[in-house]
Amino acid sequence: MSGAETDDPVWSFYARRERWRTGTHDARLLSIADDKPGHAIWMRCDDGAVFAPYDGGFDLFPTSWEAVSHLKVGWPDWLSDHPAGL
């Protein structure tokens, strides 16, 4: 059965190495926030940390407790009200 014959989503992946530049991905981020097709994630090459935006916000996957602590101090308003900060 092909993906068109089932209810399972079809995922395609593309990766490229690119230096992050402020404003470069604004249109894509706004599209994701508006729940339009074309999801994306970003991964840091130096440590593997992940930034995964979605229509309700974004998830961060830091790779060390030091990075987690830095994010908590620098961006406390980003944390949810969940007791674990999830």
C-alpha atoms as a PDB file:
ATOM      1  CA  MET A   1       0.000   0.000   0.000  1.00  0.00           C
ATOM      2  CA  SER A   2       1.283   3.471  -0.765  1.00  0.00           C
ATOM      3  CA  GLY A   3       1.071   6.379   1.690  1.00  0.00           C
ATOM      4  CA  ALA A   4      -1.891   7.744  -0.291  1.00  0.00           C
ATOM      5  CA  GLU A   5      -3.893   4.584   0.457  1.00  0.00           C
ATOM      6  CA  THR A   6      -3.478   4.782   4.231  1.00  0.00           C
ATOM      7  CA  ASP A   7      -4.104   7.326   6.954  1.00  0.00           C
ATOM      8  CA  ASP A   8      -0.397   7.324   7.881  1.00  0.00           C
ATOM      9  CA  PRO A   9       1.410  10.580   7.149  1.00  0.00           C
ATOM     10  CA  VAL A  10       4.259  10.564   4.678  1.00  0.00           C
ATOM     11  CA  TRP A  11       7.440  12.220   5.932  1.00  0.00           C
ATOM     12  CA  SER A  12      10.263  13.506   3.802  1.00  0.00           C
ATOM     13  CA  PHE A  13      13.569  14.671   5.242  1.00  0.00           C
ATOM     14  CA  TYR A  14      16.114  17.107   3.920  1.00  0.00           C
ATOM     15  CA  ALA A  15      19.171  18.367   5.749  1.00  0.00           C
ATOM     16  CA  ARG A  16      21.781  20.960   5.027  1.00  0.00           C
ATOM     17  CA  ARG A  17      24.457  22.717   6.996  1.00  0.00           C
ATOM     18  CA  GLU A  18      23.812  26.427   7.325  1.00  0.00           C
ATOM     19  CA  ARG A  19      24.867  29.240   9.642  1.00  0.00           C
ATOM     20  CA  TRP A  20      21.893  30.734  11.504  1.00  0.00           C
ATOM     21  CA  ARG A  21      21.247  34.349  10.555  1.00  0.00           C
ATOM     22  CA  THR A  22      18.652  36.482  12.314  1.00  0.00           C
ATOM     23  CA  GLY A  23      15.547  36.925  10.158  1.00  0.00           C
ATOM     24  CA  THR A  24      16.500  34.321   7.548  1.00  0.00           C
ATOM     25  CA  HIS A  25      13.847  31.825   8.629  1.00  0.00           C
ATOM     26  CA  ASP A  26      11.106  34.228   9.753  1.00  0.00           C
ATOM     27  CA  ALA A  27       8.735  33.302   6.909  1.00  0.00           C
ATOM     28  CA  ARG A  28       9.090  29.574   7.646  1.00  0.00           C
ATOM     29  CA  LEU A  29       8.592  30.127  11.381  1.00  0.00           C
ATOM     30  CA  LEU A  30       5.454  32.196  10.760  1.00  0.00           C
ATOM     31  CA  SER A  31       4.147  29.492   8.409  1.00  0.00           C
ATOM     32  CA  ILE A  32       4.708  26.837  11.083  1.00  0.00           C
ATOM     33  CA  ALA A  33       3.034  29.067  13.704  1.00  0.00           C
ATOM     34  CA  ASP A  34       0.028  29.379  11.378  1.00  0.00           C
ATOM     35  CA  ASP A  35      -0.112  25.539  11.152  1.00  0.00           C
ATOM     36  CA  LYS A  36       0.621  25.482   7.422  1.00  0.00           C
ATOM     37  CA  PRO A  37       2.445  22.556   5.795  1.00  0.00           C
ATOM     38  CA  GLY A  38       6.222  22.594   5.858  1.00  0.00           C
ATOM     39  CA  HIS A  39       7.386  21.684   9.340  1.00  0.00           C
ATOM     40  CA  ALA A  40      11.052  22.075  10.203  1.00  0.00           C
ATOM     41  CA  ILE A  41      13.493  21.468  13.027  1.00  0.00           C
ATOM     42  CA  TRP A  42      16.922  22.952  13.551  1.00  0.00           C
ATOM     43  CA  MET A  43      19.868  21.123  15.115  1.00  0.00           C
ATOM     44  CA  ARG A  44      23.145  22.627  16.242  1.00  0.00           C
ATOM     45  CA  CYS A  45      26.108  20.970  14.578  1.00  0.00           C
ATOM     46  CA  ASP A  46      28.452  21.543  17.523  1.00  0.00           C
ATOM     47  CA  ASP A  47      26.404  19.829  20.232  1.00  0.00           C
ATOM     48  CA  GLY A  48      23.224  18.347  18.695  1.00  0.00           C
ATOM     49  CA  ALA A  49      20.782  20.646  20.537  1.00  0.00           C
ATOM     50  CA  VAL A  50      17.406  20.833  18.781  1.00  0.00           C
ATOM     51  CA  PHE A  51      14.892  23.657  18.233  1.00  0.00           C
ATOM     52  CA  ALA A  52      11.512  22.295  17.099  1.00  0.00           C
ATOM     53  CA  PRO A  53       8.801  24.888  16.423  1.00  0.00           C
ATOM     54  CA  TYR A  54       5.131  23.960  16.029  1.00  0.00           C
ATOM     55  CA  ASP A  55       1.821  25.805  15.784  1.00  0.00           C
ATOM     56  CA  GLY A  56       1.496  26.188  19.570  1.00  0.00           C
ATOM     57  CA  GLY A  57       5.067  27.230  20.353  1.00  0.00           C
ATOM     58  CA  PHE A  58       8.318  25.299  20.257  1.00  0.00           C
ATOM     59  CA  ASP A  59      10.332  22.666  22.046  1.00  0.00           C
ATOM     60  CA  LEU A  60      13.996  22.963  22.932  1.00  0.00           C
ATOM     61  CA  PHE A  61      16.174  19.912  23.455  1.00  0.00           C
ATOM     62  CA  PRO A  62      19.425  21.118  25.030  1.00  0.00           C
ATOM     63  CA  THR A  63      22.208  18.577  25.417  1.00  0.00           C
ATOM     64  CA  SER A  64      23.542  19.451  28.873  1.00  0.00           C
ATOM     65  CA  TRP A  65      22.246  20.465  32.275  1.00  0.00           C
ATOM     66  CA  GLU A  66      24.401  23.594  32.001  1.00  0.00           C
ATOM     67  CA  ALA A  67      22.479  24.602  28.860  1.00  0.00           C
ATOM     68  CA  VAL A  68      19.173  23.903  30.632  1.00  0.00           C
ATOM     69  CA  SER A  69      20.203  26.115  33.564  1.00  0.00           C
ATOM     70  CA  HIS A  70      21.320  28.885  31.193  1.00  0.00           C
ATOM     71  CA  LEU A  71      17.950  28.797  29.373  1.00  0.00           C
ATOM     72  CA  LYS A  72      15.999  28.838  32.654  1.00  0.00           C
ATOM     73  CA  VAL A  73      17.881  31.925  33.857  1.00  0.00           C
ATOM     74  CA  GLY A  74      17.886  33.746  30.523  1.00  0.00           C
ATOM     75  CA  TRP A  75      14.319  32.973  29.439  1.00  0.00           C
ATOM     76  CA  PRO A  76      12.172  32.176  32.511  1.00  0.00           C
ATOM     77  CA  ASP A  77       8.949  33.227  30.744  1.00  0.00           C
ATOM     78  CA  TRP A  78       9.429  30.410  28.218  1.00  0.00           C
ATOM     79  CA  LEU A  79       8.812  27.712  30.855  1.00  0.00           C
ATOM     80  CA  SER A  80       5.355  26.268  31.228  1.00  0.00           C
ATOM     81  CA  ASP A  81       3.436  26.343  34.502  1.00  0.00           C
ATOM     82  CA  HIS A  82       3.997  22.587  34.851  1.00  0.00           C
ATOM     83  CA  PRO A  83       5.933  21.860  38.093  1.00  0.00           C
ATOM     84  CA  ALA A  84       8.713  20.174  36.081  1.00  0.00           C
ATOM     85  CA  GLY A  85       8.883  23.085  33.640  1.00  0.00           C
ATOM     86  CA  LEU A  86       7.644  20.924  30.781  1.00  0.00           C
END
